Amino acid sequence: MDILNVITTKNATSTTENAVYNLEYSISNSNLIKVMITIIGIKKEEHAEDVYLGHILFENGNITASIIENAPVPKLFSDYENLIRQIKKDVNPQ
């Protein structure tokens, strides 16, 4: 049997002052191929339910997003850029 490709999928979570991010990203042959980020609003009350703000998808160099209308979009994309930088360091720590 010849192994042609190895794909590793990692799950992570990150919290900023803007939101909680649930991340799933895939690495193939040391290349980042997919990042799926689900965005949850910060709870204002301890027992409040999670508020889904949207998601951002990076796949093969393309970015797509679906975010609710009243979300702080510039802040969420700033967090997204920081998360992508951290993931890329994990993929290629140089």
PDB file of N, CA and C in Angstrom:
ATOM      1  N   MET A   1       0.845  -1.168   0.000  1.00  0.00           N
ATOM      2  CA  MET A   1       0.000   0.000   0.000  1.00  0.00           C
ATOM      3  C   MET A   1       0.890   1.232   0.000  1.00  0.00           C
ATOM      4  N   ASP A   2       0.577   2.187  -0.871  1.00  0.00           N
ATOM      5  CA  ASP A   2       1.290   3.448  -0.927  1.00  0.00           C
ATOM      6  C   ASP A   2       0.400   4.544  -0.347  1.00  0.00           C
ATOM      7  N   ILE A   3       0.891   5.197   0.694  1.00  0.00           N
ATOM      8  CA  ILE A   3       0.145   6.316   1.276  1.00  0.00           C
ATOM      9  C   ILE A   3       0.430   7.540   0.426  1.00  0.00           C
ATOM     10  N   LEU A   4      -0.623   8.115  -0.124  1.00  0.00           N
ATOM     11  CA  LEU A   4      -0.481   9.244  -1.027  1.00  0.00           C
ATOM     12  C   LEU A   4      -0.607  10.590  -0.331  1.00  0.00           C
ATOM     13  N   ASN A   5      -1.327  10.611   0.772  1.00  0.00           N
ATOM     14  CA  ASN A   5      -1.594  11.874   1.426  1.00  0.00           C
ATOM     15  C   ASN A   5      -1.960  11.612   2.881  1.00  0.00           C
ATOM     16  N   VAL A   6      -1.501  12.479   3.778  1.00  0.00           N
ATOM     17  CA  VAL A   6      -1.863  12.390   5.185  1.00  0.00           C
ATOM     18  C   VAL A   6      -2.502  13.723   5.575  1.00  0.00           C
ATOM     19  N   ILE A   7      -3.722  13.657   6.074  1.00  0.00           N
ATOM     20  CA  ILE A   7      -4.428  14.860   6.506  1.00  0.00           C
ATOM     21  C   ILE A   7      -4.608  14.781   8.016  1.00  0.00           C
ATOM     22  N   THR A   8      -4.194  15.841   8.702  1.00  0.00           N
ATOM     23  CA  THR A   8      -4.352  15.944  10.141  1.00  0.00           C
ATOM     24  C   THR A   8      -5.375  17.031  10.428  1.00  0.00           C
ATOM     25  N   THR A   9      -6.337  16.737  11.286  1.00  0.00           N
ATOM     26  CA  THR A   9      -7.351  17.719  11.676  1.00  0.00           C
ATOM     27  C   THR A   9      -7.194  18.007  13.156  1.00  0.00           C
ATOM     28  N   LYS A  10      -7.177  19.302  13.484  1.00  0.00           N
ATOM     29  CA  LYS A  10      -7.040  19.728  14.874  1.00  0.00           C
ATOM     30  C   LYS A  10      -8.248  20.575  15.256  1.00  0.00           C
ATOM     31  N   ASN A  11      -8.654  20.453  16.511  1.00  0.00           N
ATOM     32  CA  ASN A  11      -9.750  21.251  17.067  1.00  0.00           C
ATOM     33  C   ASN A  11      -9.185  22.103  18.194  1.00  0.00           C
ATOM     34  N   ALA A  12      -9.661  23.343  18.269  1.00  0.00           N
ATOM     35  CA  ALA A  12      -9.177  24.255  19.299  1.00  0.00           C
ATOM     36  C   ALA A  12     -10.280  25.252  19.636  1.00  0.00           C
ATOM     37  N   THR A  13     -10.077  25.978  20.714  1.00  0.00           N
ATOM     38  CA  THR A  13     -10.978  27.057  21.081  1.00  0.00           C
ATOM     39  C   THR A  13     -10.133  28.246  21.511  1.00  0.00           C
ATOM     40  N   SER A  14     -10.639  29.426  21.262  1.00  0.00           N
ATOM     41  CA  SER A  14      -9.947  30.645  21.649  1.00  0.00           C
ATOM     42  C   SER A  14     -10.994  31.669  22.057  1.00  0.00           C
ATOM     43  N   THR A  15     -10.698  32.417  23.104  1.00  0.00           N
ATOM     44  CA  THR A  15     -11.608  33.453  23.571  1.00  0.00           C
ATOM     45  C   THR A  15     -10.888  34.793  23.559  1.00  0.00           C
ATOM     46  N   THR A  16     -11.521  35.786  22.980  1.00  0.00           N
ATOM     47  CA  THR A  16     -11.012  37.153  22.995  1.00  0.00           C
ATOM     48  C   THR A  16     -12.064  38.026  23.669  1.00  0.00           C
ATOM     49  N   GLU A  17     -11.810  39.306  23.746  1.00  0.00           N
ATOM     50  CA  GLU A  17     -12.815  40.209  24.320  1.00  0.00           C
ATOM     51  C   GLU A  17     -14.022  40.352  23.405  1.00  0.00           C
ATOM     52  N   ASN A  18     -13.887  39.892  22.149  1.00  0.00           N
ATOM     53  CA  ASN A  18     -14.956  40.059  21.163  1.00  0.00           C
ATOM     54  C   ASN A  18     -15.869  38.849  21.023  1.00  0.00           C
ATOM     55  N   ALA A  19     -15.329  37.645  21.208  1.00  0.00           N
ATOM     56  CA  ALA A  19     -16.115  36.437  20.962  1.00  0.00           C
ATOM     57  C   ALA A  19     -15.353  35.194  21.421  1.00  0.00           C
ATOM     58  N   VAL A  20     -16.066  34.082  21.371  1.00  0.00           N
ATOM     59  CA  VAL A  20     -15.464  32.765  21.582  1.00  0.00           C
ATOM     60  C   VAL A  20     -15.399  32.106  20.215  1.00  0.00           C
ATOM     61  N   TYR A  21     -14.249  31.528  19.894  1.00  0.00           N
ATOM     62  CA  TYR A  21     -14.036  30.931  18.576  1.00  0.00           C
ATOM     63  C   TYR A  21     -13.772  29.437  18.739  1.00  0.00           C
ATOM     64  N   ASN A  22     -14.578  28.627  18.062  1.00  0.00           N
ATOM     65  CA  ASN A  22     -14.340  27.187  17.986  1.00  0.00           C
ATOM     66  C   ASN A  22     -13.725  26.931  16.621  1.00  0.00           C
ATOM     67  N   LEU A  23     -12.533  26.362  16.639  1.00  0.00           N
ATOM     68  CA  LEU A  23     -11.766  26.190  15.413  1.00  0.00           C
ATOM     69  C   LEU A  23     -11.560  24.723  15.080  1.00  0.00           C
ATOM     70  N   GLU A  24     -11.598  24.432  13.805  1.00  0.00           N
ATOM     71  CA  GLU A  24     -11.206  23.127  13.291  1.00  0.00           C
ATOM     72  C   GLU A  24     -10.362  23.403  12.058  1.00  0.00           C
ATOM     73  N   TYR A  25      -9.144  22.881  12.062  1.00  0.00           N
ATOM     74  CA  TYR A  25      -8.299  23.118  10.888  1.00  0.00           C
ATOM     75  C   TYR A  25      -7.598  21.849  10.444  1.00  0.00           C
ATOM     76  N   SER A  26      -7.361  21.795   9.124  1.00  0.00           N
ATOM     77  CA  SER A  26      -6.786  20.606   8.507  1.00  0.00           C
ATOM     78  C   SER A  26      -5.470  20.947   7.833  1.00  0.00           C
ATOM     79  N   ILE A  27      -4.522  20.028   8.009  1.00  0.00           N
ATOM     80  CA  ILE A  27      -3.183  20.167   7.454  1.00  0.00           C
ATOM     81  C   ILE A  27      -2.927  18.958   6.568  1.00  0.00           C
ATOM     82  N   SER A  28      -2.440  19.211   5.368  1.00  0.00           N
ATOM     83  CA  SER A  28      -2.103  18.134   4.443  1.00  0.00           C
ATOM     84  C   SER A  28      -0.684  18.350   3.951  1.00  0.00           C
ATOM     85  N   ASN A  29       0.183  17.390   4.230  1.00  0.00           N
ATOM     86  CA  ASN A  29       1.577  17.476   3.797  1.00  0.00           C
ATOM     87  C   ASN A  29       2.202  18.813   4.171  1.00  0.00           C
ATOM     88  N   SER A  30       2.026  19.221   5.425  1.00  0.00           N
ATOM     89  CA  SER A  30       2.570  20.467   5.986  1.00  0.00           C
ATOM     90  C   SER A  30       1.981  21.731   5.375  1.00  0.00           C
ATOM     91  N   ASN A  31       0.827  21.629   4.744  1.00  0.00           N
ATOM     92  CA  ASN A  31       0.142  22.794   4.185  1.00  0.00           C
ATOM     93  C   ASN A  31      -1.218  22.956   4.855  1.00  0.00           C
ATOM     94  N   LEU A  32      -1.545  24.183   5.224  1.00  0.00           N
ATOM     95  CA  LEU A  32      -2.851  24.481   5.783  1.00  0.00           C
ATOM     96  C   LEU A  32      -3.855  24.494   4.639  1.00  0.00           C
ATOM     97  N   ILE A  33      -4.843  23.602   4.695  1.00  0.00           N
ATOM     98  CA  ILE A  33      -5.793  23.525   3.587  1.00  0.00           C
ATOM     99  C   ILE A  33      -7.186  24.018   3.954  1.00  0.00           C
ATOM    100  N   LYS A  34      -7.532  23.954   5.270  1.00  0.00           N
ATOM    101  CA  LYS A  34      -8.888  24.356   5.645  1.00  0.00           C
ATOM    102  C   LYS A  34      -8.927  24.803   7.098  1.00  0.00           C
ATOM    103  N   VAL A  35      -9.632  25.912   7.347  1.00  0.00           N
ATOM    104  CA  VAL A  35      -9.891  26.378   8.700  1.00  0.00           C
ATOM    105  C   VAL A  35     -11.362  26.741   8.771  1.00  0.00           C
ATOM    106  N   MET A  36     -12.074  26.130   9.704  1.00  0.00           N
ATOM    107  CA  MET A  36     -13.487  26.447   9.940  1.00  0.00           C
ATOM    108  C   MET A  36     -13.583  27.038  11.328  1.00  0.00           C
ATOM    109  N   ILE A  37     -14.064  28.275  11.418  1.00  0.00           N
ATOM    110  CA  ILE A  37     -14.176  28.958  12.696  1.00  0.00           C
ATOM    111  C   ILE A  37     -15.635  29.300  12.956  1.00  0.00           C
ATOM    112  N   THR A  38     -16.179  28.785  14.049  1.00  0.00           N
ATOM    113  CA  THR A  38     -17.521  29.127  14.482  1.00  0.00           C
ATOM    114  C   THR A  38     -17.391  30.211  15.541  1.00  0.00           C
ATOM    115  N   ILE A  39     -18.195  31.266  15.395  1.00  0.00           N
ATOM    116  CA  ILE A  39     -18.078  32.426  16.279  1.00  0.00           C
ATOM    117  C   ILE A  39     -19.299  32.487  17.198  1.00  0.00           C
ATOM    118  N   ILE A  40     -19.026  32.530  18.502  1.00  0.00           N
ATOM    119  CA  ILE A  40     -20.075  32.590  19.523  1.00  0.00           C
ATOM    120  C   ILE A  40     -19.872  33.883  20.313  1.00  0.00           C
ATOM    121  N   GLY A  41     -20.960  34.601  20.558  1.00  0.00           N
ATOM    122  CA  GLY A  41     -20.884  35.842  21.316  1.00  0.00           C
ATOM    123  C   GLY A  41     -20.504  35.605  22.767  1.00  0.00           C
ATOM    124  N   ILE A  42     -19.880  36.617  23.364  1.00  0.00           N
ATOM    125  CA  ILE A  42     -19.519  36.573  24.781  1.00  0.00           C
ATOM    126  C   ILE A  42     -20.794  36.661  25.615  1.00  0.00           C
ATOM    127  N   LYS A  43     -20.927  35.773  26.590  1.00  0.00           N
ATOM    128  CA  LYS A  43     -22.111  35.778  27.450  1.00  0.00           C
ATOM    129  C   LYS A  43     -22.056  36.971  28.405  1.00  0.00           C
ATOM    130  N   LYS A  44     -23.132  37.711  28.465  1.00  0.00           N
ATOM    131  CA  LYS A  44     -23.206  38.857  29.373  1.00  0.00           C
ATOM    132  C   LYS A  44     -23.699  38.428  30.756  1.00  0.00           C
ATOM    133  N   GLU A  45     -24.394  37.298  30.812  1.00  0.00           N
ATOM    134  CA  GLU A  45     -24.882  36.745  32.070  1.00  0.00           C
ATOM    135  C   GLU A  45     -24.386  35.312  32.184  1.00  0.00           C
ATOM    136  N   GLU A  46     -24.159  34.874  33.402  1.00  0.00           N
ATOM    137  CA  GLU A  46     -23.568  33.557  33.639  1.00  0.00           C
ATOM    138  C   GLU A  46     -24.384  32.413  33.045  1.00  0.00           C
ATOM    139  N   HIS A  47     -25.695  32.461  33.132  1.00  0.00           N
ATOM    140  CA  HIS A  47     -26.529  31.349  32.671  1.00  0.00           C
ATOM    141  C   HIS A  47     -27.189  31.621  31.322  1.00  0.00           C
ATOM    142  N   ALA A  48     -26.727  32.624  30.623  1.00  0.00           N
ATOM    143  CA  ALA A  48     -27.300  32.945  29.312  1.00  0.00           C
ATOM    144  C   ALA A  48     -26.926  31.862  28.297  1.00  0.00           C
ATOM    145  N   GLU A  49     -27.762  31.709  27.283  1.00  0.00           N
ATOM    146  CA  GLU A  49     -27.469  30.745  26.223  1.00  0.00           C
ATOM    147  C   GLU A  49     -26.442  31.330  25.259  1.00  0.00           C
ATOM    148  N   ASP A  50     -25.720  30.443  24.569  1.00  0.00           N
ATOM    149  CA  ASP A  50     -24.766  30.884  23.562  1.00  0.00           C
ATOM    150  C   ASP A  50     -25.492  31.620  22.444  1.00  0.00           C
ATOM    151  N   VAL A  51     -24.861  32.662  21.934  1.00  0.00           N
ATOM    152  CA  VAL A  51     -25.414  33.410  20.808  1.00  0.00           C
ATOM    153  C   VAL A  51     -24.490  33.189  19.611  1.00  0.00           C
ATOM    154  N   TYR A  52     -25.009  32.523  18.600  1.00  0.00           N
ATOM    155  CA  TYR A  52     -24.250  32.249  17.383  1.00  0.00           C
ATOM    156  C   TYR A  52     -24.117  33.547  16.591  1.00  0.00           C
ATOM    157  N   LEU A  53     -22.861  33.948  16.329  1.00  0.00           N
ATOM    158  CA  LEU A  53     -22.618  35.161  15.543  1.00  0.00           C
ATOM    159  C   LEU A  53     -22.310  34.854  14.084  1.00  0.00           C
ATOM    160  N   GLY A  54     -21.824  33.646  13.811  1.00  0.00           N
ATOM    161  CA  GLY A  54     -21.534  33.291  12.424  1.00  0.00           C
ATOM    162  C   GLY A  54     -20.353  32.346  12.317  1.00  0.00           C
ATOM    163  N   HIS A  55     -19.795  32.291  11.111  1.00  0.00           N
ATOM    164  CA  HIS A  55     -18.616  31.457  10.889  1.00  0.00           C
ATOM    165  C   HIS A  55     -17.754  32.069   9.787  1.00  0.00           C
ATOM    166  N   ILE A  56     -16.492  31.697   9.820  1.00  0.00           N
ATOM    167  CA  ILE A  56     -15.544  32.086   8.783  1.00  0.00           C
ATOM    168  C   ILE A  56     -14.870  30.815   8.305  1.00  0.00           C
ATOM    169  N   LEU A  57     -14.777  30.652   7.002  1.00  0.00           N
ATOM    170  CA  LEU A  57     -14.162  29.472   6.408  1.00  0.00           C
ATOM    171  C   LEU A  57     -12.994  29.898   5.527  1.00  0.00           C
ATOM    172  N   PHE A  58     -11.842  29.309   5.777  1.00  0.00           N
ATOM    173  CA  PHE A  58     -10.671  29.455   4.907  1.00  0.00           C
ATOM    174  C   PHE A  58     -10.459  28.096   4.277  1.00  0.00           C
ATOM    175  N   GLU A  59     -10.463  28.044   2.951  1.00  0.00           N
ATOM    176  CA  GLU A  59     -10.263  26.760   2.278  1.00  0.00           C
ATOM    177  C   GLU A  59      -9.503  26.968   0.988  1.00  0.00           C
ATOM    178  N   ASN A  60      -8.321  26.327   0.910  1.00  0.00           N
ATOM    179  CA  ASN A  60      -7.477  26.396  -0.282  1.00  0.00           C
ATOM    180  C   ASN A  60      -7.241  27.833  -0.744  1.00  0.00           C
ATOM    181  N   GLY A  61      -6.951  28.721   0.217  1.00  0.00           N
ATOM    182  CA  GLY A  61      -6.616  30.097  -0.119  1.00  0.00           C
ATOM    183  C   GLY A  61      -7.799  31.032  -0.274  1.00  0.00           C
ATOM    184  N   ASN A  62      -9.010  30.545  -0.089  1.00  0.00           N
ATOM    185  CA  ASN A  62     -10.208  31.383  -0.214  1.00  0.00           C
ATOM    186  C   ASN A  62     -10.866  31.562   1.147  1.00  0.00           C
ATOM    187  N   ILE A  63     -11.426  32.755   1.372  1.00  0.00           N
ATOM    188  CA  ILE A  63     -12.108  33.055   2.626  1.00  0.00           C
ATOM    189  C   ILE A  63     -13.566  33.347   2.319  1.00  0.00           C
ATOM    190  N   THR A  64     -14.460  32.674   3.054  1.00  0.00           N
ATOM    191  CA  THR A  64     -15.888  32.982   2.984  1.00  0.00           C
ATOM    192  C   THR A  64     -16.385  33.155   4.410  1.00  0.00           C
ATOM    193  N   ALA A  65     -17.413  33.974   4.559  1.00  0.00           N
ATOM    194  CA  ALA A  65     -17.933  34.224   5.897  1.00  0.00           C
ATOM    195  C   ALA A  65     -19.435  34.409   5.851  1.00  0.00           C
ATOM    196  N   SER A  66     -20.062  34.064   6.947  1.00  0.00           N
ATOM    197  CA  SER A  66     -21.476  34.322   7.159  1.00  0.00           C
ATOM    198  C   SER A  66     -21.592  34.796   8.599  1.00  0.00           C
ATOM    199  N   ILE A  67     -21.902  36.082   8.758  1.00  0.00           N
ATOM    200  CA  ILE A  67     -21.924  36.692  10.086  1.00  0.00           C
ATOM    201  C   ILE A  67     -23.227  37.473  10.219  1.00  0.00           C
ATOM    202  N   ILE A  68     -23.852  37.394  11.395  1.00  0.00           N
ATOM    203  CA  ILE A  68     -25.126  38.090  11.583  1.00  0.00           C
ATOM    204  C   ILE A  68     -24.941  39.601  11.437  1.00  0.00           C
ATOM    205  N   GLU A  69     -26.014  40.266  11.106  1.00  0.00           N
ATOM    206  CA  GLU A  69     -25.996  41.678  10.739  1.00  0.00           C
ATOM    207  C   GLU A  69     -25.412  42.593  11.813  1.00  0.00           C
ATOM    208  N   ASN A  70     -25.749  42.409  13.057  1.00  0.00           N
ATOM    209  CA  ASN A  70     -25.339  43.342  14.106  1.00  0.00           C
ATOM    210  C   ASN A  70     -24.028  42.974  14.794  1.00  0.00           C
ATOM    211  N   ALA A  71     -23.321  42.000  14.294  1.00  0.00           N
ATOM    212  CA  ALA A  71     -22.056  41.574  14.889  1.00  0.00           C
ATOM    213  C   ALA A  71     -20.964  42.617  14.611  1.00  0.00           C
ATOM    214  N   PRO A  72     -19.968  42.700  15.496  1.00  0.00           N
ATOM    215  CA  PRO A  72     -18.855  43.639  15.283  1.00  0.00           C
ATOM    216  C   PRO A  72     -17.856  43.081  14.250  1.00  0.00           C
ATOM    217  N   VAL A  73     -18.228  43.129  12.997  1.00  0.00           N
ATOM    218  CA  VAL A  73     -17.486  42.453  11.925  1.00  0.00           C
ATOM    219  C   VAL A  73     -16.002  42.831  11.888  1.00  0.00           C
ATOM    220  N   PRO A  74     -15.617  44.118  11.928  1.00  0.00           N
ATOM    221  CA  PRO A  74     -14.178  44.429  11.882  1.00  0.00           C
ATOM    222  C   PRO A  74     -13.392  43.788  13.026  1.00  0.00           C
ATOM    223  N   LYS A  75     -13.970  43.756  14.214  1.00  0.00           N
ATOM    224  CA  LYS A  75     -13.297  43.137  15.362  1.00  0.00           C
ATOM    225  C   LYS A  75     -13.177  41.629  15.184  1.00  0.00           C
ATOM    226  N   LEU A  76     -14.214  41.016  14.632  1.00  0.00           N
ATOM    227  CA  LEU A  76     -14.182  39.571  14.410  1.00  0.00           C
ATOM    228  C   LEU A  76     -13.132  39.204  13.366  1.00  0.00           C
ATOM    229  N   PHE A  77     -13.017  40.002  12.315  1.00  0.00           N
ATOM    230  CA  PHE A  77     -12.004  39.712  11.290  1.00  0.00           C
ATOM    231  C   PHE A  77     -10.599  40.005  11.799  1.00  0.00           C
ATOM    232  N   SER A  78     -10.460  40.963  12.699  1.00  0.00           N
ATOM    233  CA  SER A  78      -9.153  41.199  13.322  1.00  0.00           C
ATOM    234  C   SER A  78      -8.751  39.980  14.148  1.00  0.00           C
ATOM    235  N   ASP A  79      -9.690  39.444  14.920  1.00  0.00           N
ATOM    236  CA  ASP A  79      -9.428  38.214  15.668  1.00  0.00           C
ATOM    237  C   ASP A  79      -9.104  37.070  14.716  1.00  0.00           C
ATOM    238  N   TYR A  80      -9.854  36.981  13.616  1.00  0.00           N
ATOM    239  CA  TYR A  80      -9.626  35.930  12.618  1.00  0.00           C
ATOM    240  C   TYR A  80      -8.184  35.986  12.108  1.00  0.00           C
ATOM    241  N   GLU A  81      -7.713  37.173  11.775  1.00  0.00           N
ATOM    242  CA  GLU A  81      -6.344  37.301  11.261  1.00  0.00           C
ATOM    243  C   GLU A  81      -5.322  36.850  12.294  1.00  0.00           C
ATOM    244  N   ASN A  82      -5.547  37.189  13.564  1.00  0.00           N
ATOM    245  CA  ASN A  82      -4.635  36.738  14.618  1.00  0.00           C
ATOM    246  C   ASN A  82      -4.678  35.223  14.783  1.00  0.00           C
ATOM    247  N   LEU A  83      -5.866  34.637  14.709  1.00  0.00           N
ATOM    248  CA  LEU A  83      -5.996  33.185  14.822  1.00  0.00           C
ATOM    249  C   LEU A  83      -5.300  32.476  13.671  1.00  0.00           C
ATOM    250  N   ILE A  84      -5.466  32.986  12.461  1.00  0.00           N
ATOM    251  CA  ILE A  84      -4.811  32.378  11.291  1.00  0.00           C
ATOM    252  C   ILE A  84      -3.291  32.435  11.446  1.00  0.00           C
ATOM    253  N   ARG A  85      -2.766  33.550  11.945  1.00  0.00           N
ATOM    254  CA  ARG A  85      -1.315  33.653  12.175  1.00  0.00           C
ATOM    255  C   ARG A  85      -0.855  32.579  13.166  1.00  0.00           C
ATOM    256  N   GLN A  86      -1.617  32.393  14.248  1.00  0.00           N
ATOM    257  CA  GLN A  86      -1.255  31.374  15.245  1.00  0.00           C
ATOM    258  C   GLN A  86      -1.301  29.975  14.645  1.00  0.00           C
ATOM    259  N   ILE A  87      -2.319  29.704  13.851  1.00  0.00           N
ATOM    260  CA  ILE A  87      -2.447  28.379  13.218  1.00  0.00           C
ATOM    261  C   ILE A  87      -1.298  28.154  12.257  1.00  0.00           C
ATOM    262  N   LYS A  88      -0.962  29.145  11.456  1.00  0.00           N
ATOM    263  CA  LYS A  88       0.147  28.990  10.497  1.00  0.00           C
ATOM    264  C   LYS A  88       1.468  28.744  11.209  1.00  0.00           C
ATOM    265  N   LYS A  89       1.662  29.346  12.399  1.00  0.00           N
ATOM    266  CA  LYS A  89       2.857  29.056  13.183  1.00  0.00           C
ATOM    267  C   LYS A  89       2.861  27.603  13.657  1.00  0.00           C
ATOM    268  N   ASP A  90       1.683  27.067  13.992  1.00  0.00           N
ATOM    269  CA  ASP A  90       1.567  25.679  14.394  1.00  0.00           C
ATOM    270  C   ASP A  90       1.888  24.742  13.222  1.00  0.00           C
ATOM    271  N   VAL A  91       1.420  25.128  12.045  1.00  0.00           N
ATOM    272  CA  VAL A  91       1.620  24.290  10.863  1.00  0.00           C
ATOM    273  C   VAL A  91       3.082  24.301  10.427  1.00  0.00           C
ATOM    274  N   ASN A  92       3.706  25.480  10.395  1.00  0.00           N
ATOM    275  CA  ASN A  92       5.096  25.629   9.961  1.00  0.00           C
ATOM    276  C   ASN A  92       5.865  26.459  10.992  1.00  0.00           C
ATOM    277  N   PRO A  93       6.273  25.840  12.101  1.00  0.00           N
ATOM    278  CA  PRO A  93       6.976  26.600  13.154  1.00  0.00           C
ATOM    279  C   PRO A  93       8.419  26.916  12.755  1.00  0.00           C
ATOM    280  N   GLN A  94       8.619  28.078  12.159  1.00  0.00           N
ATOM    281  CA  GLN A  94       9.967  28.456  11.703  1.00  0.00           C
ATOM    282  C   GLN A  94      10.368  29.783  12.240  1.00  0.00           C
TER     283      GLN A  94
END
